Amino acid sequence: MPVLITYDVSRRHLDLKQRLAVGGYLFQLTDPRDQKVFYLPNTALYHQSKTVQQAMSDMKQACSALGIQLERAFATEVGSVWDCIPGNPYSTPRF
């Protein structure tokens, strides 16, 4: 099931996102109903097939490898009912 993880880190935010992107985490997602792209907030990532526990473990491992303090994190499954403000494409690279 898809998972969304949101977090706060002490530093090197973009390095963390880049490291997790290698593992399939995304900073945007496409609504399968209408193919509209949604850009997630800066400290949120989405994965199509991780469990909540795997996402949290991946986050902790990535922070440890980069020497980053993980200040807080929250992971949850993404169901079929959700709503958001889609945002605009990021003006600078996210990683």
PDB file of N, CA and C in Angstrom:
ATOM      1  N   MET A   1       0.854  -1.185   0.000  1.00  0.00           N
ATOM      2  CA  MET A   1       0.000   0.000   0.000  1.00  0.00           C
ATOM      3  C   MET A   1       0.893   1.238   0.000  1.00  0.00           C
ATOM      4  N   PRO A   2       0.488   2.305  -0.647  1.00  0.00           N
ATOM      5  CA  PRO A   2       1.282   3.536  -0.650  1.00  0.00           C
ATOM      6  C   PRO A   2       1.409   4.134   0.749  1.00  0.00           C
ATOM      7  N   VAL A   3       2.533   4.807   0.956  1.00  0.00           N
ATOM      8  CA  VAL A   3       2.792   5.428   2.255  1.00  0.00           C
ATOM      9  C   VAL A   3       3.269   6.855   2.048  1.00  0.00           C
ATOM     10  N   LEU A   4       2.896   7.716   2.985  1.00  0.00           N
ATOM     11  CA  LEU A   4       3.357   9.102   3.022  1.00  0.00           C
ATOM     12  C   LEU A   4       4.130   9.271   4.320  1.00  0.00           C
ATOM     13  N   ILE A   5       5.329   9.829   4.224  1.00  0.00           N
ATOM     14  CA  ILE A   5       6.113  10.105   5.420  1.00  0.00           C
ATOM     15  C   ILE A   5       6.466  11.586   5.432  1.00  0.00           C
ATOM     16  N   THR A   6       6.293  12.199   6.562  1.00  0.00           N
ATOM     17  CA  THR A   6       6.654  13.597   6.748  1.00  0.00           C
ATOM     18  C   THR A   6       7.612  13.674   7.927  1.00  0.00           C
ATOM     19  N   TYR A   7       8.502  14.653   7.908  1.00  0.00           N
ATOM     20  CA  TYR A   7       9.611  14.640   8.850  1.00  0.00           C
ATOM     21  C   TYR A   7      10.191  16.035   9.026  1.00  0.00           C
ATOM     22  N   ASP A   8      10.958  16.193  10.089  1.00  0.00           N
ATOM     23  CA  ASP A   8      11.813  17.360  10.299  1.00  0.00           C
ATOM     24  C   ASP A   8      13.210  16.848  10.589  1.00  0.00           C
ATOM     25  N   VAL A   9      14.192  17.474   9.968  1.00  0.00           N
ATOM     26  CA  VAL A   9      15.592  17.103  10.189  1.00  0.00           C
ATOM     27  C   VAL A   9      16.394  18.342  10.561  1.00  0.00           C
ATOM     28  N   SER A  10      17.554  18.097  11.144  1.00  0.00           N
ATOM     29  CA  SER A  10      18.380  19.192  11.637  1.00  0.00           C
ATOM     30  C   SER A  10      19.095  19.952  10.525  1.00  0.00           C
ATOM     31  N   ARG A  11      19.407  19.274   9.427  1.00  0.00           N
ATOM     32  CA  ARG A  11      20.170  19.896   8.336  1.00  0.00           C
ATOM     33  C   ARG A  11      20.195  18.944   7.149  1.00  0.00           C
ATOM     34  N   ARG A  12      20.786  19.353   6.051  1.00  0.00           N
ATOM     35  CA  ARG A  12      21.002  18.533   4.857  1.00  0.00           C
ATOM     36  C   ARG A  12      19.715  17.915   4.312  1.00  0.00           C
ATOM     37  N   HIS A  13      18.678  18.700   4.352  1.00  0.00           N
ATOM     38  CA  HIS A  13      17.360  18.259   3.909  1.00  0.00           C
ATOM     39  C   HIS A  13      17.382  17.716   2.468  1.00  0.00           C
ATOM     40  N   LEU A  14      18.016  18.445   1.567  1.00  0.00           N
ATOM     41  CA  LEU A  14      18.031  18.007   0.168  1.00  0.00           C
ATOM     42  C   LEU A  14      18.860  16.739  -0.021  1.00  0.00           C
ATOM     43  N   ASP A  15      19.936  16.585   0.737  1.00  0.00           N
ATOM     44  CA  ASP A  15      20.727  15.346   0.675  1.00  0.00           C
ATOM     45  C   ASP A  15      19.888  14.146   1.099  1.00  0.00           C
ATOM     46  N   LEU A  16      19.077  14.350   2.121  1.00  0.00           N
ATOM     47  CA  LEU A  16      18.206  13.277   2.601  1.00  0.00           C
ATOM     48  C   LEU A  16      17.188  12.898   1.534  1.00  0.00           C
ATOM     49  N   LYS A  17      16.565  13.880   0.922  1.00  0.00           N
ATOM     50  CA  LYS A  17      15.585  13.590  -0.117  1.00  0.00           C
ATOM     51  C   LYS A  17      16.225  12.866  -1.300  1.00  0.00           C
ATOM     52  N   GLN A  18      17.417  13.275  -1.659  1.00  0.00           N
ATOM     53  CA  GLN A  18      18.099  12.627  -2.768  1.00  0.00           C
ATOM     54  C   GLN A  18      18.393  11.170  -2.436  1.00  0.00           C
ATOM     55  N   ARG A  19      18.844  10.916  -1.227  1.00  0.00           N
ATOM     56  CA  ARG A  19      19.152   9.545  -0.813  1.00  0.00           C
ATOM     57  C   ARG A  19      17.892   8.672  -0.832  1.00  0.00           C
ATOM     58  N   LEU A  20      16.794   9.201  -0.351  1.00  0.00           N
ATOM     59  CA  LEU A  20      15.557   8.424  -0.328  1.00  0.00           C
ATOM     60  C   LEU A  20      14.958   8.271  -1.729  1.00  0.00           C
ATOM     61  N   ALA A  21      15.196   9.230  -2.614  1.00  0.00           N
ATOM     62  CA  ALA A  21      14.712   9.120  -3.990  1.00  0.00           C
ATOM     63  C   ALA A  21      15.318   7.911  -4.691  1.00  0.00           C
ATOM     64  N   VAL A  22      16.566   7.592  -4.359  1.00  0.00           N
ATOM     65  CA  VAL A  22      17.214   6.414  -4.933  1.00  0.00           C
ATOM     66  C   VAL A  22      16.430   5.150  -4.571  1.00  0.00           C
ATOM     67  N   GLY A  23      15.781   5.172  -3.408  1.00  0.00           N
ATOM     68  CA  GLY A  23      14.975   4.040  -2.960  1.00  0.00           C
ATOM     69  C   GLY A  23      13.525   4.094  -3.422  1.00  0.00           C
ATOM     70  N   GLY A  24      13.208   5.009  -4.331  1.00  0.00           N
ATOM     71  CA  GLY A  24      11.877   5.059  -4.905  1.00  0.00           C
ATOM     72  C   GLY A  24      10.919   6.041  -4.260  1.00  0.00           C
ATOM     73  N   TYR A  25      11.399   6.859  -3.331  1.00  0.00           N
ATOM     74  CA  TYR A  25      10.530   7.862  -2.714  1.00  0.00           C
ATOM     75  C   TYR A  25      10.373   9.051  -3.657  1.00  0.00           C
ATOM     76  N   LEU A  26       9.170   9.623  -3.667  1.00  0.00           N
ATOM     77  CA  LEU A  26       8.831  10.709  -4.584  1.00  0.00           C
ATOM     78  C   LEU A  26       8.402  11.945  -3.808  1.00  0.00           C
ATOM     79  N   PHE A  27       8.641  13.130  -4.374  1.00  0.00           N
ATOM     80  CA  PHE A  27       8.179  14.374  -3.758  1.00  0.00           C
ATOM     81  C   PHE A  27       6.931  14.897  -4.472  1.00  0.00           C
ATOM     82  N   GLN A  28       6.419  14.111  -5.387  1.00  0.00           N
ATOM     83  CA  GLN A  28       5.185  14.433  -6.071  1.00  0.00           C
ATOM     84  C   GLN A  28       4.472  13.123  -6.379  1.00  0.00           C
ATOM     85  N   LEU A  29       3.184  13.193  -6.597  1.00  0.00           N
ATOM     86  CA  LEU A  29       2.447  12.005  -6.987  1.00  0.00           C
ATOM     87  C   LEU A  29       1.388  12.386  -7.987  1.00  0.00           C
ATOM     88  N   THR A  30       0.930  11.397  -8.726  1.00  0.00           N
ATOM     89  CA  THR A  30      -0.078  11.603  -9.758  1.00  0.00           C
ATOM     90  C   THR A  30      -1.361  10.910  -9.339  1.00  0.00           C
ATOM     91  N   ASP A  31      -2.442  11.648  -9.348  1.00  0.00           N
ATOM     92  CA  ASP A  31      -3.746  11.098  -9.003  1.00  0.00           C
ATOM     93  C   ASP A  31      -4.164  10.142 -10.121  1.00  0.00           C
ATOM     94  N   PRO A  32      -4.372   8.868  -9.807  1.00  0.00           N
ATOM     95  CA  PRO A  32      -4.737   7.917 -10.859  1.00  0.00           C
ATOM     96  C   PRO A  32      -6.119   8.179 -11.457  1.00  0.00           C
ATOM     97  N   ARG A  33      -6.928   8.965 -10.763  1.00  0.00           N
ATOM     98  CA  ARG A  33      -8.279   9.247 -11.259  1.00  0.00           C
ATOM     99  C   ARG A  33      -8.271  10.193 -12.446  1.00  0.00           C
ATOM    100  N   ASP A  34      -7.367  11.188 -12.422  1.00  0.00           N
ATOM    101  CA  ASP A  34      -7.379  12.176 -13.504  1.00  0.00           C
ATOM    102  C   ASP A  34      -5.978  12.563 -13.981  1.00  0.00           C
ATOM    103  N   GLN A  35      -4.957  11.878 -13.482  1.00  0.00           N
ATOM    104  CA  GLN A  35      -3.559  12.091 -13.872  1.00  0.00           C
ATOM    105  C   GLN A  35      -3.024  13.463 -13.482  1.00  0.00           C
ATOM    106  N   LYS A  36      -3.678  14.141 -12.556  1.00  0.00           N
ATOM    107  CA  LYS A  36      -3.204  15.435 -12.085  1.00  0.00           C
ATOM    108  C   LYS A  36      -2.018  15.230 -11.148  1.00  0.00           C
ATOM    109  N   VAL A  37      -0.983  16.061 -11.303  1.00  0.00           N
ATOM    110  CA  VAL A  37       0.228  15.953 -10.485  1.00  0.00           C
ATOM    111  C   VAL A  37       0.074  16.814  -9.241  1.00  0.00           C
ATOM    112  N   PHE A  38       0.437  16.241  -8.091  1.00  0.00           N
ATOM    113  CA  PHE A  38       0.405  16.942  -6.815  1.00  0.00           C
ATOM    114  C   PHE A  38       1.816  17.011  -6.267  1.00  0.00           C
ATOM    115  N   TYR A  39       2.259  18.204  -5.913  1.00  0.00           N
ATOM    116  CA  TYR A  39       3.589  18.425  -5.371  1.00  0.00           C
ATOM    117  C   TYR A  39       3.486  18.456  -3.853  1.00  0.00           C
ATOM    118  N   LEU A  40       4.173  17.549  -3.208  1.00  0.00           N
ATOM    119  CA  LEU A  40       4.100  17.431  -1.758  1.00  0.00           C
ATOM    120  C   LEU A  40       4.867  18.555  -1.061  1.00  0.00           C
ATOM    121  N   PRO A  41       4.520  18.854   0.187  1.00  0.00           N
ATOM    122  CA  PRO A  41       5.297  19.830   0.948  1.00  0.00           C
ATOM    123  C   PRO A  41       6.768  19.401   1.051  1.00  0.00           C
ATOM    124  N   ASN A  42       7.636  20.345   1.331  1.00  0.00           N
ATOM    125  CA  ASN A  42       9.082  20.096   1.325  1.00  0.00           C
ATOM    126  C   ASN A  42       9.537  18.918   2.180  1.00  0.00           C
ATOM    127  N   THR A  43       8.900  18.688   3.302  1.00  0.00           N
ATOM    128  CA  THR A  43       9.358  17.613   4.179  1.00  0.00           C
ATOM    129  C   THR A  43       8.383  16.445   4.186  1.00  0.00           C
ATOM    130  N   ALA A  44       7.909  16.094   3.010  1.00  0.00           N
ATOM    131  CA  ALA A  44       7.037  14.933   2.850  1.00  0.00           C
ATOM    132  C   ALA A  44       7.493  14.147   1.632  1.00  0.00           C
ATOM    133  N   LEU A  45       7.427  12.847   1.748  1.00  0.00           N
ATOM    134  CA  LEU A  45       7.776  11.953   0.646  1.00  0.00           C
ATOM    135  C   LEU A  45       6.722  10.857   0.538  1.00  0.00           C
ATOM    136  N   TYR A  46       6.599  10.308  -0.645  1.00  0.00           N
ATOM    137  CA  TYR A  46       5.599   9.287  -0.956  1.00  0.00           C
ATOM    138  C   TYR A  46       6.306   8.079  -1.542  1.00  0.00           C
ATOM    139  N   HIS A  47       5.854   6.894  -1.171  1.00  0.00           N
ATOM    140  CA  HIS A  47       6.360   5.672  -1.795  1.00  0.00           C
ATOM    141  C   HIS A  47       5.174   4.793  -2.147  1.00  0.00           C
ATOM    142  N   GLN A  48       5.181   4.252  -3.327  1.00  0.00           N
ATOM    143  CA  GLN A  48       4.060   3.474  -3.846  1.00  0.00           C
ATOM    144  C   GLN A  48       3.844   2.149  -3.128  1.00  0.00           C
ATOM    145  N   SER A  49       4.894   1.536  -2.588  1.00  0.00           N
ATOM    146  CA  SER A  49       4.723   0.158  -2.108  1.00  0.00           C
ATOM    147  C   SER A  49       5.421  -0.170  -0.785  1.00  0.00           C
ATOM    148  N   LYS A  50       5.748   0.812   0.006  1.00  0.00           N
ATOM    149  CA  LYS A  50       6.374   0.555   1.313  1.00  0.00           C
ATOM    150  C   LYS A  50       5.302   0.476   2.393  1.00  0.00           C
ATOM    151  N   THR A  51       5.631  -0.224   3.476  1.00  0.00           N
ATOM    152  CA  THR A  51       4.781  -0.186   4.652  1.00  0.00           C
ATOM    153  C   THR A  51       5.196   1.018   5.499  1.00  0.00           C
ATOM    154  N   VAL A  52       4.370   1.348   6.452  1.00  0.00           N
ATOM    155  CA  VAL A  52       4.684   2.433   7.375  1.00  0.00           C
ATOM    156  C   VAL A  52       5.999   2.127   8.102  1.00  0.00           C
ATOM    157  N   GLN A  53       6.158   0.893   8.529  1.00  0.00           N
ATOM    158  CA  GLN A  53       7.368   0.503   9.255  1.00  0.00           C
ATOM    159  C   GLN A  53       8.609   0.574   8.358  1.00  0.00           C
ATOM    160  N   GLN A  54       8.488   0.154   7.113  1.00  0.00           N
ATOM    161  CA  GLN A  54       9.618   0.235   6.181  1.00  0.00           C
ATOM    162  C   GLN A  54       9.996   1.685   5.915  1.00  0.00           C
ATOM    163  N   ALA A  55       9.003   2.550   5.738  1.00  0.00           N
ATOM    164  CA  ALA A  55       9.282   3.959   5.481  1.00  0.00           C
ATOM    165  C   ALA A  55      10.014   4.587   6.658  1.00  0.00           C
ATOM    166  N   MET A  56       9.559   4.301   7.866  1.00  0.00           N
ATOM    167  CA  MET A  56      10.221   4.861   9.045  1.00  0.00           C
ATOM    168  C   MET A  56      11.640   4.315   9.173  1.00  0.00           C
ATOM    169  N   SER A  57      11.813   3.037   8.903  1.00  0.00           N
ATOM    170  CA  SER A  57      13.148   2.441   8.951  1.00  0.00           C
ATOM    171  C   SER A  57      14.062   3.061   7.898  1.00  0.00           C
ATOM    172  N   ASP A  58      13.555   3.240   6.687  1.00  0.00           N
ATOM    173  CA  ASP A  58      14.341   3.870   5.621  1.00  0.00           C
ATOM    174  C   ASP A  58      14.765   5.282   6.024  1.00  0.00           C
ATOM    175  N   MET A  59      13.839   6.035   6.622  1.00  0.00           N
ATOM    176  CA  MET A  59      14.134   7.394   7.052  1.00  0.00           C
ATOM    177  C   MET A  59      15.233   7.397   8.115  1.00  0.00           C
ATOM    178  N   LYS A  60      15.105   6.533   9.102  1.00  0.00           N
ATOM    179  CA  LYS A  60      16.100   6.468  10.173  1.00  0.00           C
ATOM    180  C   LYS A  60      17.468   6.064   9.631  1.00  0.00           C
ATOM    181  N   GLN A  61      17.498   5.084   8.738  1.00  0.00           N
ATOM    182  CA  GLN A  61      18.766   4.630   8.168  1.00  0.00           C
ATOM    183  C   GLN A  61      19.419   5.718   7.322  1.00  0.00           C
ATOM    184  N   ALA A  62      18.629   6.420   6.523  1.00  0.00           N
ATOM    185  CA  ALA A  62      19.175   7.487   5.681  1.00  0.00           C
ATOM    186  C   ALA A  62      19.738   8.618   6.539  1.00  0.00           C
ATOM    187  N   CYS A  63      19.027   8.980   7.583  1.00  0.00           N
ATOM    188  CA  CYS A  63      19.509  10.045   8.477  1.00  0.00           C
ATOM    189  C   CYS A  63      20.801   9.623   9.158  1.00  0.00           C
ATOM    190  N   SER A  64      20.845   8.396   9.619  1.00  0.00           N
ATOM    191  CA  SER A  64      22.046   7.887  10.279  1.00  0.00           C
ATOM    192  C   SER A  64      23.236   7.895   9.326  1.00  0.00           C
ATOM    193  N   ALA A  65      23.024   7.440   8.105  1.00  0.00           N
ATOM    194  CA  ALA A  65      24.103   7.379   7.119  1.00  0.00           C
ATOM    195  C   ALA A  65      24.637   8.768   6.778  1.00  0.00           C
ATOM    196  N   LEU A  66      23.765   9.769   6.817  1.00  0.00           N
ATOM    197  CA  LEU A  66      24.164  11.135   6.474  1.00  0.00           C
ATOM    198  C   LEU A  66      24.583  11.960   7.690  1.00  0.00           C
ATOM    199  N   GLY A  67      24.460  11.386   8.872  1.00  0.00           N
ATOM    200  CA  GLY A  67      24.810  12.118  10.085  1.00  0.00           C
ATOM    201  C   GLY A  67      23.826  13.228  10.392  1.00  0.00           C
ATOM    202  N   ILE A  68      22.563  13.003  10.063  1.00  0.00           N
ATOM    203  CA  ILE A  68      21.507  13.987  10.255  1.00  0.00           C
ATOM    204  C   ILE A  68      20.667  13.582  11.458  1.00  0.00           C
ATOM    205  N   GLN A  69      20.306  14.562  12.282  1.00  0.00           N
ATOM    206  CA  GLN A  69      19.407  14.289  13.395  1.00  0.00           C
ATOM    207  C   GLN A  69      17.968  14.304  12.884  1.00  0.00           C
ATOM    208  N   LEU A  70      17.266  13.195  13.066  1.00  0.00           N
ATOM    209  CA  LEU A  70      15.853  13.114  12.727  1.00  0.00           C
ATOM    210  C   LEU A  70      15.075  13.636  13.929  1.00  0.00           C
ATOM    211  N   GLU A  71      14.537  14.824  13.801  1.00  0.00           N
ATOM    212  CA  GLU A  71      13.881  15.480  14.924  1.00  0.00           C
ATOM    213  C   GLU A  71      12.478  14.948  15.175  1.00  0.00           C
ATOM    214  N   ARG A  72      11.752  14.652  14.108  1.00  0.00           N
ATOM    215  CA  ARG A  72      10.421  14.053  14.226  1.00  0.00           C
ATOM    216  C   ARG A  72      10.038  13.482  12.873  1.00  0.00           C
ATOM    217  N   ALA A  73       9.156  12.485  12.900  1.00  0.00           N
ATOM    218  CA  ALA A  73       8.684  11.869  11.663  1.00  0.00           C
ATOM    219  C   ALA A  73       7.326  11.226  11.906  1.00  0.00           C
ATOM    220  N   PHE A  74       6.543  11.161  10.847  1.00  0.00           N
ATOM    221  CA  PHE A  74       5.218  10.551  10.909  1.00  0.00           C
ATOM    222  C   PHE A  74       4.975   9.866   9.574  1.00  0.00           C
ATOM    223  N   ALA A  75       4.647   8.574   9.620  1.00  0.00           N
ATOM    224  CA  ALA A  75       4.364   7.820   8.403  1.00  0.00           C
ATOM    225  C   ALA A  75       2.954   7.241   8.503  1.00  0.00           C
ATOM    226  N   THR A  76       2.248   7.264   7.377  1.00  0.00           N
ATOM    227  CA  THR A  76       0.886   6.733   7.353  1.00  0.00           C
ATOM    228  C   THR A  76       0.582   6.154   5.970  1.00  0.00           C
ATOM    229  N   GLU A  77      -0.321   5.192   5.942  1.00  0.00           N
ATOM    230  CA  GLU A  77      -0.754   4.651   4.666  1.00  0.00           C
ATOM    231  C   GLU A  77      -1.615   5.681   3.942  1.00  0.00           C
ATOM    232  N   VAL A  78      -1.541   5.663   2.632  1.00  0.00           N
ATOM    233  CA  VAL A  78      -2.341   6.559   1.808  1.00  0.00           C
ATOM    234  C   VAL A  78      -3.480   5.742   1.221  1.00  0.00           C
ATOM    235  N   GLY A  79      -4.694   6.100   1.573  1.00  0.00           N
ATOM    236  CA  GLY A  79      -5.864   5.398   1.059  1.00  0.00           C
ATOM    237  C   GLY A  79      -6.373   6.026  -0.223  1.00  0.00           C
ATOM    238  N   SER A  80      -7.555   5.613  -0.602  1.00  0.00           N
ATOM    239  CA  SER A  80      -8.130   6.098  -1.857  1.00  0.00           C
ATOM    240  C   SER A  80      -8.863   7.421  -1.692  1.00  0.00           C
ATOM    241  N   VAL A  81      -9.079   7.851  -0.453  1.00  0.00           N
ATOM    242  CA  VAL A  81      -9.766   9.113  -0.213  1.00  0.00           C
ATOM    243  C   VAL A  81      -8.769  10.108   0.368  1.00  0.00           C
ATOM    244  N   TRP A  82      -8.515  11.185  -0.376  1.00  0.00           N
ATOM    245  CA  TRP A  82      -7.607  12.222   0.093  1.00  0.00           C
ATOM    246  C   TRP A  82      -7.873  13.500  -0.682  1.00  0.00           C
ATOM    247  N   ASP A  83      -7.371  14.577  -0.159  1.00  0.00           N
ATOM    248  CA  ASP A  83      -7.540  15.872  -0.802  1.00  0.00           C
ATOM    249  C   ASP A  83      -6.295  16.697  -0.514  1.00  0.00           C
ATOM    250  N   CYS A  84      -5.966  17.623  -1.382  1.00  0.00           N
ATOM    251  CA  CYS A  84      -4.792  18.450  -1.149  1.00  0.00           C
ATOM    252  C   CYS A  84      -4.842  19.686  -2.032  1.00  0.00           C
ATOM    253  N   ILE A  85      -3.943  20.581  -1.760  1.00  0.00           N
ATOM    254  CA  ILE A  85      -3.683  21.720  -2.641  1.00  0.00           C
ATOM    255  C   ILE A  85      -2.501  21.281  -3.487  1.00  0.00           C
ATOM    256  N   PRO A  86      -2.663  21.155  -4.797  1.00  0.00           N
ATOM    257  CA  PRO A  86      -1.634  20.532  -5.619  1.00  0.00           C
ATOM    258  C   PRO A  86      -0.321  21.298  -5.708  1.00  0.00           C
ATOM    259  N   GLY A  87      -0.342  22.600  -5.525  1.00  0.00           N
ATOM    260  CA  GLY A  87       0.886  23.378  -5.634  1.00  0.00           C
ATOM    261  C   GLY A  87       1.370  23.479  -7.062  1.00  0.00           C
ATOM    262  N   ASN A  88       2.412  24.253  -7.228  1.00  0.00           N
ATOM    263  CA  ASN A  88       3.043  24.422  -8.531  1.00  0.00           C
ATOM    264  C   ASN A  88       4.331  23.627  -8.561  1.00  0.00           C
ATOM    265  N   PRO A  89       4.824  23.321  -9.739  1.00  0.00           N
ATOM    266  CA  PRO A  89       6.129  22.650  -9.804  1.00  0.00           C
ATOM    267  C   PRO A  89       7.166  23.470  -9.042  1.00  0.00           C
ATOM    268  N   TYR A  90       8.089  22.789  -8.404  1.00  0.00           N
ATOM    269  CA  TYR A  90       9.133  23.462  -7.652  1.00  0.00           C
ATOM    270  C   TYR A  90       9.995  24.297  -8.593  1.00  0.00           C
ATOM    271  N   SER A  91      10.337  25.516  -8.163  1.00  0.00           N
ATOM    272  CA  SER A  91      11.140  26.407  -8.999  1.00  0.00           C
ATOM    273  C   SER A  91      12.620  26.060  -8.942  1.00  0.00           C
ATOM    274  N   THR A  92      13.031  25.341  -7.913  1.00  0.00           N
ATOM    275  CA  THR A  92      14.421  24.878  -7.802  1.00  0.00           C
ATOM    276  C   THR A  92      14.399  23.371  -7.621  1.00  0.00           C
ATOM    277  N   PRO A  93      15.467  22.706  -7.988  1.00  0.00           N
ATOM    278  CA  PRO A  93      15.502  21.250  -7.825  1.00  0.00           C
ATOM    279  C   PRO A  93      15.283  20.856  -6.371  1.00  0.00           C
ATOM    280  N   ARG A  94      14.553  19.816  -6.173  1.00  0.00           N
ATOM    281  CA  ARG A  94      14.279  19.344  -4.811  1.00  0.00           C
ATOM    282  C   ARG A  94      15.421  18.488  -4.301  1.00  0.00           C
ATOM    283  N   PHE A  95      16.293  18.065  -5.172  1.00  0.00           N
ATOM    284  CA  PHE A  95      17.521  17.352  -4.787  1.00  0.00           C
ATOM    285  C   PHE A  95      18.437  17.282  -5.957  1.00  0.00           C
TER     286      PHE A  95
END
